[in-house]
Structures are given as C-alpha cells and as structure tokens.
Amino acid sequence: MTQRKLYLGPLTDNRRWDMVTIRPDDVFVVTPPKCGTTWMQTIVALLLSGDPEVETELSVKMPWVDIRIREMDEVAERLNAMTHRRSMKSHTPMDGLPLDAQAQYLCVFRHPLDAHFSYRKHVRNIPMPWFDHWYPEDDPERITFRRFLDGGAEGFDGDAMPLAHILQHYKAAKALESQPNVTLFHYADMQRDLAGVFAQVAGQLGITHPADVTAQLVQAATFENMRDNAERFAPSGGKGFFKSDTDFFHSGSSGKWHGQLSDTELAAYDAMMDAHLIPEDRAWLENGSGQVTNA
C-alpha cells in the first residue's frame, strides 16, 4: 500500500491489490459503480478477443479484484495463471490503485444523478440486504438522497456510493489525465458514439481489427444486445447472483432522475457539485464531451 490511499469498506478492500503482480500490458477498468463498468469491460473483452461471440465471463476472466466475495489467494492464483493479456475491474479511485507506467487505465464516469438512480435499482436486484438501510425500498422520508449527499468518500459510505465517492473518483482520475496510459471516458459519449469509443479504446490498447470485424464487435456491445443476452453479458450471468440478469442492464438511459427530486434536493446537489468542481469539470462529469476525445 506504499503511497496508495486506503479504501476499506464492508464489500471492498484495495489492499487486495498487493497480491497482484502487474504486467505491462494489463488493462484496468476503473469506475464508480453503475457508470458503465460492465459496458467498458465488454468492449475490452471484445477487442482483446476479436470475436463477437466471445463468452465474456467477466467475473472470472476480468475479475473485480477489490471485492471481498472471493478469497484473494484464489483470485491472485487465477490471474497469475493467465497467459493472455489480462483485464481487471476496480471500483477504487485511482489514488488507491497500483499504478504502472505501461499498463492501461480506462476510467469511466456518468452523470452522478444517473449513477445514483441506477444504483437504487441495482441494490433492489441483489438478493442480499447489503445496503437496505441506505437504500430502503419504502423511503417516505427520502433518506436515500440525503445519504447520497451526506455520505463520505471512504469506508462503509464509499461502498454505498455517495456523491463524495464519485467526486473523489473523478478528481483522482483527472489528476492523472496527462499520463498517456490513463484515459477518461463518459457514459453519455458511449451512448452517443459507441463506434467512436471502440476506436478510442482500441487505440489506447494498440489493437486493430478489420473493419468488418470491428463492426460486428460494436454491434455485440450495443446496450440492446447486451440486455437481450443478459445471461451472457451480466457479471456472473446465469448463476443467480442477481434476481434478474436482464434487470442488471435495466434501461441504460439517462435523465431518469428528472422529476424525481425536489427543488431543495436539487439545490443541495448543485451546491455540492459547485463546491467541489470548476464549471468545466462539472459539465464534463455530468454530460461528457459530446464527442469522443480524451477528457
């Protein structure tokens, strides 16, 4: 953990990275939850394989190293045994990850309110009461949004994904954006121009495929195709980890928070965003670039 910030919560422990020997061609997908993690992992899996029919099996082939669910000895052994180019997932901000000058770090962000409302749906789809007191199903007192605004960036709060955790993720990635192996992506840009995002990721990873193959890979990664084949594309799909693999993808749309928050709640959100981000950074974190470029 030398020179790395400690992120330790009930679900995640970034000290687990100490057991992973980083390879120069490793690919890290680094995001707050519900910001396009699985989508970016799928893009990477398709590009690395060049096969639109590849069985992604993300939980095993591209593991979430931070999470405590699997014994780290088993995860490290599996990663060390891989002979192909590896990719791994993390919900830890960049200042808590092992940084290698040659490995690639793909950081994905989404409008914080879209991520929050998506997370609300997500916790209802997990058959374990991890965050029921943060995300009560019946919430007449609107506790959920208050905790989204008041929660801290680390510890238990961090695992529940409050706004402070999203902001810390963004600031940590933004601080490294000048590095050639750290690239920021936005969910909205993936929606607007999936083919362009594919091209950008392929360029970062040094991968080329014939145009017809690339077109097939892009089609395989459309949100609609992933949702229609949820058992194949959802993490641990077909294994009962979620109540519904299809609901893991839900709608993939943006702006579902419109009309769901009071003027007071929106004003409190605006105040927190403005207190932590300059206008240009806030605009990008909420809306993306509108075109596919490095952030």
Foldseek 3Di string as FASTA:
>chain_A
DVQADFFDAPFFGLVLLVLADDDLLEEEEEEAPPFCSLLVLLLVQCQQVLDLPDQSLCCQQANARGTPPDPSVVNRVSVVPDPGHGHYYYHAAPSRHDDDLRYAYEYEFEALVQSLVLVLLVCVFAPDPLPCVLNPPDCPVPNNLVLLLPFALHYHSVNSHRPNVNLRNLVRLVVCLVRLRRFYYGLLQCVVCVLLVSVVVCVSSVTDDPPVSSVSSSVSSDLVNCLVVQLRRANVRPPPRTNDSSCNSPPSDPDPCVVVDDPVSVVSVVVVLVVRDPPVSSCCNHRNDSHDDGD
